[in-house]
Amino acid sequence: MQIAVTTPTGNVGRHVVAMLVRAGVRPRVLLRDPDRLAPGIRDEVDAVTVDQYDADGVAAATRGVDSLFWVDPTTGGEEPLADYARATAAVVRAVTDNRIGRVVFQSSVGAEKRHGAGEIDGLAHTEAALDDTGVHVTHLRCGYFFTNLELQLDALRAGTLQVVLPLDQPMAWVAPRDIAEVVTTRLLSPTWSGRCVQAVHGPVDLTWRQVADILTAATGRRIRVERITDHAMRVQLHQAGMTDGLVEAVLGMSTGLREDFVPEQQRTVRTTTPTTLAAWAYDHLRQRIAD
């Protein structure tokens, strides 16, 4: 069985690759720069240099593949949804031309809305396009990544996180490694077929107030959370160098899920994963904030 993995150096993909190797699989990994692979993993995989926006390249890179883990690449362009559409066209072409049997797609909580959730709308488009191919596909509706906090190290060092969501609104938080476990078991399992949706919600829903308390205890640094206006967040994102289109796409991931949104799949044993934010923050964030 030939398994291909995209974004193999990403927060989820690097764990997927390592887990497959430990399972005795030699995965094919698709990435722009093979030199980014960890030295110890390079001899355990077949690396193919490819741009995921290049439909011809992706089709060529996935010939002979039985199962594919697809992650839409991160976009930093002026029109993020157009970039998602290009990536979607590439994976659809690969699945169709190469008759790939199974796809595990890294989607997000909120994609079930289909429209009105900013950048998540791009993932919803990929879901729908893969469904239209008739491939056996599992859409992983993932919660908010713990690792997103690493994008706010300066704010954490200063002791204040600023958000646009209500501070007492709970949402799913999840460790990327736990997502990788679900990905890997899906890739290796022969028992599922058709269209599947698998939420990955982490161990517990958390409010931003609870997150601030957890981070304070885990890092030993007092951290508070403050709700700011949408306009103030737009200003911050622009100051960070984001284009107008990207600002709206990023902001929309919060504003689009802020009112009257209920995930399609509720928390059950199927959607709950074990790693806590407290454990992750102690292991991964504490030292980084101190540096």
C-alpha atoms as a PDB file:
ATOM      1  CA  MET A   1       0.000   0.000   0.000  1.00  0.00           C
ATOM      2  CA  GLN A   2       1.431   3.355  -1.062  1.00  0.00           C
ATOM      3  CA  ILE A   3       0.514   6.270   1.201  1.00  0.00           C
ATOM      4  CA  ALA A   4       1.274   9.882   0.315  1.00  0.00           C
ATOM      5  CA  VAL A   5       1.470  12.720   2.833  1.00  0.00           C
ATOM      6  CA  THR A   6       1.317  16.438   2.070  1.00  0.00           C
ATOM      7  CA  THR A   7       2.795  19.128   4.345  1.00  0.00           C
ATOM      8  CA  PRO A   8       5.081  16.492   5.935  1.00  0.00           C
ATOM      9  CA  THR A   9       6.988  19.096   7.963  1.00  0.00           C
ATOM     10  CA  GLY A  10       3.857  20.815   9.323  1.00  0.00           C
ATOM     11  CA  ASN A  11       2.399  20.682  12.812  1.00  0.00           C
ATOM     12  CA  VAL A  12       0.309  17.624  11.933  1.00  0.00           C
ATOM     13  CA  GLY A  13       2.135  16.155   8.953  1.00  0.00           C
ATOM     14  CA  ARG A  14       5.470  15.627  10.690  1.00  0.00           C
ATOM     15  CA  HIS A  15       3.755  13.467  13.297  1.00  0.00           C
ATOM     16  CA  VAL A  16       1.837  11.553  10.624  1.00  0.00           C
ATOM     17  CA  VAL A  17       5.067  10.735   8.804  1.00  0.00           C
ATOM     18  CA  ALA A  18       6.787   9.546  11.982  1.00  0.00           C
ATOM     19  CA  MET A  19       3.805   7.405  12.977  1.00  0.00           C
ATOM     20  CA  LEU A  20       3.637   5.783   9.546  1.00  0.00           C
ATOM     21  CA  VAL A  21       7.360   5.023   9.673  1.00  0.00           C
ATOM     22  CA  ARG A  22       6.937   3.415  13.087  1.00  0.00           C
ATOM     23  CA  ALA A  23       4.105   1.341  11.624  1.00  0.00           C
ATOM     24  CA  GLY A  24       6.468  -0.056   9.002  1.00  0.00           C
ATOM     25  CA  VAL A  25       5.260   2.117   6.126  1.00  0.00           C
ATOM     26  CA  ARG A  26       7.572   4.022   3.803  1.00  0.00           C
ATOM     27  CA  PRO A  27       5.407   7.026   2.901  1.00  0.00           C
ATOM     28  CA  ARG A  28       5.763   9.234  -0.126  1.00  0.00           C
ATOM     29  CA  VAL A  29       6.003  12.836   1.093  1.00  0.00           C
ATOM     30  CA  LEU A  30       5.118  15.826  -1.061  1.00  0.00           C
ATOM     31  CA  LEU A  31       6.781  19.158  -0.290  1.00  0.00           C
ATOM     32  CA  ARG A  32       8.471  22.116  -1.900  1.00  0.00           C
ATOM     33  CA  ASP A  33      11.814  21.720  -0.148  1.00  0.00           C
ATOM     34  CA  PRO A  34      12.965  18.216   0.849  1.00  0.00           C
ATOM     35  CA  ASP A  35      15.821  19.780   2.842  1.00  0.00           C
ATOM     36  CA  ARG A  36      13.232  20.792   5.445  1.00  0.00           C
ATOM     37  CA  LEU A  37      12.718  17.164   6.430  1.00  0.00           C
ATOM     38  CA  ALA A  38      14.274  16.200   9.747  1.00  0.00           C
ATOM     39  CA  PRO A  39      17.628  14.462   9.136  1.00  0.00           C
ATOM     40  CA  GLY A  40      16.529  11.266  10.823  1.00  0.00           C
ATOM     41  CA  ILE A  41      13.431  10.927   8.665  1.00  0.00           C
ATOM     42  CA  ARG A  42      14.950  11.531   5.221  1.00  0.00           C
ATOM     43  CA  ASP A  43      16.093   7.936   4.693  1.00  0.00           C
ATOM     44  CA  GLU A  44      12.701   6.585   5.799  1.00  0.00           C
ATOM     45  CA  VAL A  45      10.551   8.315   3.171  1.00  0.00           C
ATOM     46  CA  ASP A  46      10.356   8.908  -0.568  1.00  0.00           C
ATOM     47  CA  ALA A  47      10.421  12.677  -0.965  1.00  0.00           C
ATOM     48  CA  VAL A  48       8.901  14.333  -4.047  1.00  0.00           C
ATOM     49  CA  THR A  49       9.439  18.011  -4.735  1.00  0.00           C
ATOM     50  CA  VAL A  50       6.138  19.589  -5.724  1.00  0.00           C
ATOM     51  CA  ASP A  51       4.069  22.747  -5.361  1.00  0.00           C
ATOM     52  CA  GLN A  52       0.564  21.815  -4.175  1.00  0.00           C
ATOM     53  CA  TYR A  53      -0.911  24.577  -6.314  1.00  0.00           C
ATOM     54  CA  ASP A  54       0.515  22.895  -9.443  1.00  0.00           C
ATOM     55  CA  ALA A  55      -2.142  20.442 -10.628  1.00  0.00           C
ATOM     56  CA  ASP A  56       0.173  18.754 -13.148  1.00  0.00           C
ATOM     57  CA  GLY A  57       2.879  18.385 -10.530  1.00  0.00           C
ATOM     58  CA  VAL A  58       0.557  16.980  -7.890  1.00  0.00           C
ATOM     59  CA  ALA A  59      -0.931  14.505 -10.369  1.00  0.00           C
ATOM     60  CA  ALA A  60       2.555  13.303 -11.319  1.00  0.00           C
ATOM     61  CA  ALA A  61       3.673  13.113  -7.683  1.00  0.00           C
ATOM     62  CA  THR A  62       0.730  10.913  -6.674  1.00  0.00           C
ATOM     63  CA  ARG A  63       0.843   8.294  -9.424  1.00  0.00           C
ATOM     64  CA  GLY A  64       0.528   4.840  -7.913  1.00  0.00           C
ATOM     65  CA  VAL A  65      -0.751   6.208  -4.594  1.00  0.00           C
ATOM     66  CA  ASP A  66      -3.477   4.234  -2.811  1.00  0.00           C
ATOM     67  CA  SER A  67      -4.194   6.621   0.074  1.00  0.00           C
ATOM     68  CA  LEU A  68      -3.515  10.340   0.449  1.00  0.00           C
ATOM     69  CA  PHE A  69      -3.374  12.708   3.403  1.00  0.00           C
ATOM     70  CA  TRP A  70      -4.211  16.104   1.959  1.00  0.00           C
ATOM     71  CA  VAL A  71      -3.724  19.434   3.713  1.00  0.00           C
ATOM     72  CA  ASP A  72      -4.520  22.619   1.804  1.00  0.00           C
ATOM     73  CA  PRO A  73      -1.290  24.650   1.913  1.00  0.00           C
ATOM     74  CA  THR A  74      -1.107  27.789   4.009  1.00  0.00           C
ATOM     75  CA  THR A  75      -1.896  30.890   1.988  1.00  0.00           C
ATOM     76  CA  GLY A  76      -0.530  34.365   2.487  1.00  0.00           C
ATOM     77  CA  GLY A  77      -1.934  35.917  -0.662  1.00  0.00           C
ATOM     78  CA  GLU A  78      -4.354  38.735  -1.335  1.00  0.00           C
ATOM     79  CA  GLU A  79      -7.133  36.310  -2.279  1.00  0.00           C
ATOM     80  CA  PRO A  80      -6.886  33.327   0.097  1.00  0.00           C
ATOM     81  CA  LEU A  81     -10.046  31.621  -1.159  1.00  0.00           C
ATOM     82  CA  ALA A  82      -8.694  31.714  -4.703  1.00  0.00           C
ATOM     83  CA  ASP A  83      -5.549  29.993  -3.432  1.00  0.00           C
ATOM     84  CA  TYR A  84      -7.670  27.336  -1.750  1.00  0.00           C
ATOM     85  CA  ALA A  85      -9.508  26.826  -5.032  1.00  0.00           C
ATOM     86  CA  ARG A  86      -6.200  26.259  -6.842  1.00  0.00           C
ATOM     87  CA  ALA A  87      -5.116  23.680  -4.265  1.00  0.00           C
ATOM     88  CA  THR A  88      -8.524  22.028  -4.484  1.00  0.00           C
ATOM     89  CA  ALA A  89      -8.233  21.751  -8.254  1.00  0.00           C
ATOM     90  CA  ALA A  90      -4.852  20.055  -7.799  1.00  0.00           C
ATOM     91  CA  VAL A  91      -6.084  17.386  -5.392  1.00  0.00           C
ATOM     92  CA  VAL A  92      -9.213  16.721  -7.457  1.00  0.00           C
ATOM     93  CA  ARG A  93      -7.063  16.269 -10.547  1.00  0.00           C
ATOM     94  CA  ALA A  94      -4.755  13.870  -8.690  1.00  0.00           C
ATOM     95  CA  VAL A  95      -7.601  11.809  -7.240  1.00  0.00           C
ATOM     96  CA  THR A  96      -9.372  11.604 -10.584  1.00  0.00           C
ATOM     97  CA  ASP A  97      -6.381  10.934 -12.852  1.00  0.00           C
ATOM     98  CA  ASN A  98      -4.709   8.431 -10.542  1.00  0.00           C
ATOM     99  CA  ARG A  99      -7.844   6.794  -9.181  1.00  0.00           C
ATOM    100  CA  ILE A 100      -6.614   7.238  -5.637  1.00  0.00           C
ATOM    101  CA  GLY A 101      -8.743   5.027  -3.431  1.00  0.00           C
ATOM    102  CA  ARG A 102      -8.867   7.004  -0.191  1.00  0.00           C
ATOM    103  CA  VAL A 103      -8.258  10.537   0.995  1.00  0.00           C
ATOM    104  CA  VAL A 104      -7.997  11.842   4.548  1.00  0.00           C
ATOM    105  CA  PHE A 105      -8.516  15.594   4.420  1.00  0.00           C
ATOM    106  CA  GLN A 106      -7.549  17.984   7.196  1.00  0.00           C
ATOM    107  CA  SER A 107     -10.535  20.307   7.438  1.00  0.00           C
ATOM    108  CA  SER A 108     -11.823  22.407  10.329  1.00  0.00           C
ATOM    109  CA  VAL A 109     -14.693  22.870  12.687  1.00  0.00           C
ATOM    110  CA  GLY A 110     -16.842  25.432  10.889  1.00  0.00           C
ATOM    111  CA  ALA A 111     -16.497  23.945   7.410  1.00  0.00           C
ATOM    112  CA  GLU A 112     -20.008  22.546   7.835  1.00  0.00           C
ATOM    113  CA  LYS A 113     -21.289  26.126   7.474  1.00  0.00           C
ATOM    114  CA  ARG A 114     -19.973  26.104   3.889  1.00  0.00           C
ATOM    115  CA  HIS A 115     -20.089  29.917   3.720  1.00  0.00           C
ATOM    116  CA  GLY A 116     -19.419  32.815   6.067  1.00  0.00           C
ATOM    117  CA  ALA A 117     -16.433  31.539   8.065  1.00  0.00           C
ATOM    118  CA  GLY A 118     -13.563  33.332   6.367  1.00  0.00           C
ATOM    119  CA  GLU A 119     -10.611  31.158   5.440  1.00  0.00           C
ATOM    120  CA  ILE A 120     -12.499  28.061   6.588  1.00  0.00           C
ATOM    121  CA  ASP A 121     -14.738  28.529   3.533  1.00  0.00           C
ATOM    122  CA  GLY A 122     -11.752  27.396   1.473  1.00  0.00           C
ATOM    123  CA  LEU A 123     -11.676  24.104   3.363  1.00  0.00           C
ATOM    124  CA  ALA A 124     -15.409  23.725   2.847  1.00  0.00           C
ATOM    125  CA  HIS A 125     -14.837  24.106  -0.900  1.00  0.00           C
ATOM    126  CA  THR A 126     -12.227  21.338  -0.831  1.00  0.00           C
ATOM    127  CA  GLU A 127     -14.600  19.068   1.108  1.00  0.00           C
ATOM    128  CA  ALA A 128     -17.374  19.547  -1.455  1.00  0.00           C
ATOM    129  CA  ALA A 129     -15.042  19.048  -4.409  1.00  0.00           C
ATOM    130  CA  LEU A 130     -13.623  15.815  -2.987  1.00  0.00           C
ATOM    131  CA  ASP A 131     -17.163  14.584  -2.323  1.00  0.00           C
ATOM    132  CA  ASP A 132     -18.003  15.191  -5.972  1.00  0.00           C
ATOM    133  CA  THR A 133     -15.172  12.904  -7.127  1.00  0.00           C
ATOM    134  CA  GLY A 134     -16.773   9.897  -5.426  1.00  0.00           C
ATOM    135  CA  VAL A 135     -13.498   9.012  -3.658  1.00  0.00           C
ATOM    136  CA  HIS A 136     -13.653   7.374  -0.248  1.00  0.00           C
ATOM    137  CA  VAL A 137     -12.892  10.390   1.929  1.00  0.00           C
ATOM    138  CA  THR A 138     -12.695  11.283   5.601  1.00  0.00           C
ATOM    139  CA  HIS A 139     -13.007  14.970   6.419  1.00  0.00           C
ATOM    140  CA  LEU A 140     -11.351  15.748   9.745  1.00  0.00           C
ATOM    141  CA  ARG A 141     -13.155  18.681  11.348  1.00  0.00           C
ATOM    142  CA  CYS A 142     -10.392  19.826  13.686  1.00  0.00           C
ATOM    143  CA  GLY A 143     -10.691  22.203  16.614  1.00  0.00           C
ATOM    144  CA  TYR A 144      -8.456  25.177  17.364  1.00  0.00           C
ATOM    145  CA  PHE A 145      -4.804  24.095  17.294  1.00  0.00           C
ATOM    146  CA  PHE A 146      -2.795  24.517  20.490  1.00  0.00           C
ATOM    147  CA  THR A 147       0.106  25.535  18.238  1.00  0.00           C
ATOM    148  CA  ASN A 148      -1.747  28.681  17.142  1.00  0.00           C
ATOM    149  CA  LEU A 149      -0.581  30.102  20.469  1.00  0.00           C
ATOM    150  CA  GLU A 150       3.002  29.939  19.186  1.00  0.00           C
ATOM    151  CA  LEU A 151       2.055  32.688  16.722  1.00  0.00           C
ATOM    152  CA  GLN A 152       1.467  35.000  19.701  1.00  0.00           C
ATOM    153  CA  LEU A 153       4.685  34.555  21.675  1.00  0.00           C
ATOM    154  CA  ASP A 154       5.306  38.295  22.030  1.00  0.00           C
ATOM    155  CA  ALA A 155       1.790  38.825  23.377  1.00  0.00           C
ATOM    156  CA  LEU A 156       2.199  35.925  25.781  1.00  0.00           C
ATOM    157  CA  ARG A 157       5.509  37.335  27.034  1.00  0.00           C
ATOM    158  CA  ALA A 158       3.754  40.672  27.566  1.00  0.00           C
ATOM    159  CA  GLY A 159       1.042  38.850  29.500  1.00  0.00           C
ATOM    160  CA  THR A 160      -2.016  39.717  27.397  1.00  0.00           C
ATOM    161  CA  LEU A 161      -3.863  37.856  24.648  1.00  0.00           C
ATOM    162  CA  GLN A 162      -6.370  39.836  22.591  1.00  0.00           C
ATOM    163  CA  VAL A 163      -9.297  38.112  20.879  1.00  0.00           C
ATOM    164  CA  VAL A 164     -12.593  39.050  19.208  1.00  0.00           C
ATOM    165  CA  LEU A 165     -14.599  36.110  20.538  1.00  0.00           C
ATOM    166  CA  PRO A 166     -16.660  36.342  23.746  1.00  0.00           C
ATOM    167  CA  LEU A 167     -14.361  35.389  26.612  1.00  0.00           C
ATOM    168  CA  ASP A 168     -16.841  32.853  28.005  1.00  0.00           C
ATOM    169  CA  GLN A 169     -17.677  31.142  24.688  1.00  0.00           C
ATOM    170  CA  PRO A 170     -16.352  27.556  24.786  1.00  0.00           C
ATOM    171  CA  MET A 171     -14.746  25.966  21.749  1.00  0.00           C
ATOM    172  CA  ALA A 172     -12.756  22.854  20.905  1.00  0.00           C
ATOM    173  CA  TRP A 173      -8.967  23.021  21.421  1.00  0.00           C
ATOM    174  CA  VAL A 174      -6.751  20.216  20.124  1.00  0.00           C
ATOM    175  CA  ALA A 175      -3.102  19.136  19.986  1.00  0.00           C
ATOM    176  CA  PRO A 176      -1.807  18.625  16.413  1.00  0.00           C
ATOM    177  CA  ARG A 177      -0.212  15.348  17.468  1.00  0.00           C
ATOM    178  CA  ASP A 178      -3.640  14.030  18.441  1.00  0.00           C
ATOM    179  CA  ILE A 179      -4.941  14.991  15.002  1.00  0.00           C
ATOM    180  CA  ALA A 180      -2.025  13.077  13.490  1.00  0.00           C
ATOM    181  CA  GLU A 181      -3.046   9.977  15.424  1.00  0.00           C
ATOM    182  CA  VAL A 182      -6.515  10.140  13.922  1.00  0.00           C
ATOM    183  CA  VAL A 183      -5.046  10.745  10.457  1.00  0.00           C
ATOM    184  CA  THR A 184      -2.672   7.788  10.726  1.00  0.00           C
ATOM    185  CA  THR A 185      -5.258   5.334  12.005  1.00  0.00           C
ATOM    186  CA  ARG A 186      -7.620   6.387   9.222  1.00  0.00           C
ATOM    187  CA  LEU A 187      -4.905   5.952   6.590  1.00  0.00           C
ATOM    188  CA  LEU A 188      -4.054   2.479   7.878  1.00  0.00           C
ATOM    189  CA  SER A 189      -7.585   1.246   8.610  1.00  0.00           C
ATOM    190  CA  PRO A 190      -9.255  -0.865   5.888  1.00  0.00           C
ATOM    191  CA  THR A 191     -12.689  -0.810   7.503  1.00  0.00           C
ATOM    192  CA  TRP A 192     -14.177   2.541   6.425  1.00  0.00           C
ATOM    193  CA  SER A 193     -15.548   3.643   3.077  1.00  0.00           C
ATOM    194  CA  GLY A 194     -17.684   6.309   1.467  1.00  0.00           C
ATOM    195  CA  ARG A 195     -17.894   9.849   2.818  1.00  0.00           C
ATOM    196  CA  CYS A 196     -16.991  10.190   6.500  1.00  0.00           C
ATOM    197  CA  VAL A 197     -16.833  13.199   8.778  1.00  0.00           C
ATOM    198  CA  GLN A 198     -14.641  12.841  11.853  1.00  0.00           C
ATOM    199  CA  ALA A 199     -14.484  15.715  14.294  1.00  0.00           C
ATOM    200  CA  VAL A 200     -11.274  16.051  16.319  1.00  0.00           C
ATOM    201  CA  HIS A 201     -12.192  18.116  19.367  1.00  0.00           C
ATOM    202  CA  GLY A 202      -9.351  17.620  21.815  1.00  0.00           C
ATOM    203  CA  PRO A 203     -10.068  16.631  25.428  1.00  0.00           C
ATOM    204  CA  VAL A 204     -12.461  19.432  26.458  1.00  0.00           C
ATOM    205  CA  ASP A 205     -14.050  22.626  25.172  1.00  0.00           C
ATOM    206  CA  LEU A 206     -12.399  25.710  26.663  1.00  0.00           C
ATOM    207  CA  THR A 207     -13.287  29.378  26.978  1.00  0.00           C
ATOM    208  CA  TRP A 208     -10.604  32.015  26.520  1.00  0.00           C
ATOM    209  CA  ARG A 209     -10.794  32.809  30.238  1.00  0.00           C
ATOM    210  CA  GLN A 210     -10.033  29.158  31.012  1.00  0.00           C
ATOM    211  CA  VAL A 211      -7.212  29.177  28.483  1.00  0.00           C
ATOM    212  CA  ALA A 212      -5.610  32.184  30.202  1.00  0.00           C
ATOM    213  CA  ASP A 213      -5.784  30.432  33.588  1.00  0.00           C
ATOM    214  CA  ILE A 214      -4.312  27.216  32.161  1.00  0.00           C
ATOM    215  CA  LEU A 215      -1.450  29.060  30.468  1.00  0.00           C
ATOM    216  CA  THR A 216      -0.720  31.034  33.646  1.00  0.00           C
ATOM    217  CA  ALA A 217      -0.425  27.829  35.678  1.00  0.00           C
ATOM    218  CA  ALA A 218       1.572  25.936  33.047  1.00  0.00           C
ATOM    219  CA  THR A 219       4.076  28.666  32.218  1.00  0.00           C
ATOM    220  CA  GLY A 220       4.408  30.430  35.548  1.00  0.00           C
ATOM    221  CA  ARG A 221       3.788  33.755  33.829  1.00  0.00           C
ATOM    222  CA  ARG A 222       0.618  35.742  34.527  1.00  0.00           C
ATOM    223  CA  ILE A 223      -1.459  35.808  31.340  1.00  0.00           C
ATOM    224  CA  ARG A 224      -4.768  37.568  30.906  1.00  0.00           C
ATOM    225  CA  VAL A 225      -7.134  37.663  27.951  1.00  0.00           C
ATOM    226  CA  GLU A 226      -8.887  40.761  26.637  1.00  0.00           C
ATOM    227  CA  ARG A 227     -11.719  41.041  24.140  1.00  0.00           C
ATOM    228  CA  ILE A 228     -11.186  43.746  21.523  1.00  0.00           C
ATOM    229  CA  THR A 229     -13.319  45.025  18.664  1.00  0.00           C
ATOM    230  CA  ASP A 230     -13.233  43.611  15.157  1.00  0.00           C
ATOM    231  CA  HIS A 231     -11.801  46.928  13.960  1.00  0.00           C
ATOM    232  CA  ALA A 232      -8.968  46.797  16.484  1.00  0.00           C
ATOM    233  CA  MET A 233      -8.118  43.264  15.356  1.00  0.00           C
ATOM    234  CA  ARG A 234      -8.126  44.374  11.727  1.00  0.00           C
ATOM    235  CA  VAL A 235      -5.623  47.086  12.603  1.00  0.00           C
ATOM    236  CA  GLN A 236      -3.377  44.544  14.338  1.00  0.00           C
ATOM    237  CA  LEU A 237      -3.484  42.122  11.417  1.00  0.00           C
ATOM    238  CA  HIS A 238      -2.672  44.891   8.953  1.00  0.00           C
ATOM    239  CA  GLN A 239       0.233  45.978  11.139  1.00  0.00           C
ATOM    240  CA  ALA A 240       1.482  42.385  11.031  1.00  0.00           C
ATOM    241  CA  GLY A 241       1.781  42.770   7.257  1.00  0.00           C
ATOM    242  CA  MET A 242      -1.351  40.947   6.105  1.00  0.00           C
ATOM    243  CA  THR A 243      -3.102  42.029   2.931  1.00  0.00           C
ATOM    244  CA  ASP A 244      -6.697  43.247   3.025  1.00  0.00           C
ATOM    245  CA  GLY A 245      -8.024  39.957   1.678  1.00  0.00           C
ATOM    246  CA  LEU A 246      -6.037  37.877   4.137  1.00  0.00           C
ATOM    247  CA  VAL A 247      -7.113  40.062   7.053  1.00  0.00           C
ATOM    248  CA  GLU A 248     -10.783  39.461   6.277  1.00  0.00           C
ATOM    249  CA  ALA A 249     -10.210  35.737   5.757  1.00  0.00           C
ATOM    250  CA  VAL A 250      -8.387  35.360   9.083  1.00  0.00           C
ATOM    251  CA  LEU A 251     -10.857  37.500  11.006  1.00  0.00           C
ATOM    252  CA  GLY A 252     -13.772  35.642   9.462  1.00  0.00           C
ATOM    253  CA  MET A 253     -12.659  32.389  11.070  1.00  0.00           C
ATOM    254  CA  SER A 254     -13.631  33.950  14.407  1.00  0.00           C
ATOM    255  CA  THR A 255     -16.515  36.227  13.490  1.00  0.00           C
ATOM    256  CA  GLY A 256     -18.166  33.567  11.340  1.00  0.00           C
ATOM    257  CA  LEU A 257     -18.342  31.140  14.269  1.00  0.00           C
ATOM    258  CA  ARG A 258     -19.104  33.716  16.940  1.00  0.00           C
ATOM    259  CA  GLU A 259     -22.897  33.625  16.989  1.00  0.00           C
ATOM    260  CA  ASP A 260     -25.316  30.700  16.921  1.00  0.00           C
ATOM    261  CA  PHE A 261     -22.756  28.205  15.584  1.00  0.00           C
ATOM    262  CA  VAL A 262     -23.026  24.595  16.729  1.00  0.00           C
ATOM    263  CA  PRO A 263     -20.565  22.012  15.349  1.00  0.00           C
ATOM    264  CA  GLU A 264     -22.123  19.295  13.219  1.00  0.00           C
ATOM    265  CA  GLN A 265     -20.611  16.628  15.470  1.00  0.00           C
ATOM    266  CA  GLN A 266     -20.885  16.959  19.229  1.00  0.00           C
ATOM    267  CA  ARG A 267     -18.278  15.794  21.726  1.00  0.00           C
ATOM    268  CA  THR A 268     -18.294  12.007  22.067  1.00  0.00           C
ATOM    269  CA  VAL A 269     -15.707   9.295  22.577  1.00  0.00           C
ATOM    270  CA  ARG A 270     -15.207   9.359  18.794  1.00  0.00           C
ATOM    271  CA  THR A 271     -14.387  13.068  18.673  1.00  0.00           C
ATOM    272  CA  THR A 272     -12.439  13.421  21.935  1.00  0.00           C
ATOM    273  CA  THR A 273      -8.639  13.155  22.013  1.00  0.00           C
ATOM    274  CA  PRO A 274      -6.405  12.979  25.095  1.00  0.00           C
ATOM    275  CA  THR A 275      -3.714  15.678  25.158  1.00  0.00           C
ATOM    276  CA  THR A 276      -4.598  18.576  27.461  1.00  0.00           C
ATOM    277  CA  LEU A 277      -3.682  22.194  26.867  1.00  0.00           C
ATOM    278  CA  ALA A 278      -2.002  22.260  30.287  1.00  0.00           C
ATOM    279  CA  ALA A 279       0.333  19.391  29.397  1.00  0.00           C
ATOM    280  CA  TRP A 280       1.116  20.791  25.957  1.00  0.00           C
ATOM    281  CA  ALA A 281       1.763  24.297  27.280  1.00  0.00           C
ATOM    282  CA  TYR A 282       4.111  22.990  29.985  1.00  0.00           C
ATOM    283  CA  ASP A 283       6.048  20.870  27.484  1.00  0.00           C
ATOM    284  CA  HIS A 284       6.110  23.208  24.478  1.00  0.00           C
ATOM    285  CA  LEU A 285       5.213  26.785  25.429  1.00  0.00           C
ATOM    286  CA  ARG A 286       6.770  27.376  28.852  1.00  0.00           C
ATOM    287  CA  GLN A 287      10.363  27.513  27.650  1.00  0.00           C
ATOM    288  CA  ARG A 288       9.559  29.423  24.482  1.00  0.00           C
ATOM    289  CA  ILE A 289       7.915  32.204  26.457  1.00  0.00           C
ATOM    290  CA  ALA A 290      10.885  32.323  28.829  1.00  0.00           C
ATOM    291  CA  ASP A 291      13.451  32.629  25.997  1.00  0.00           C
END
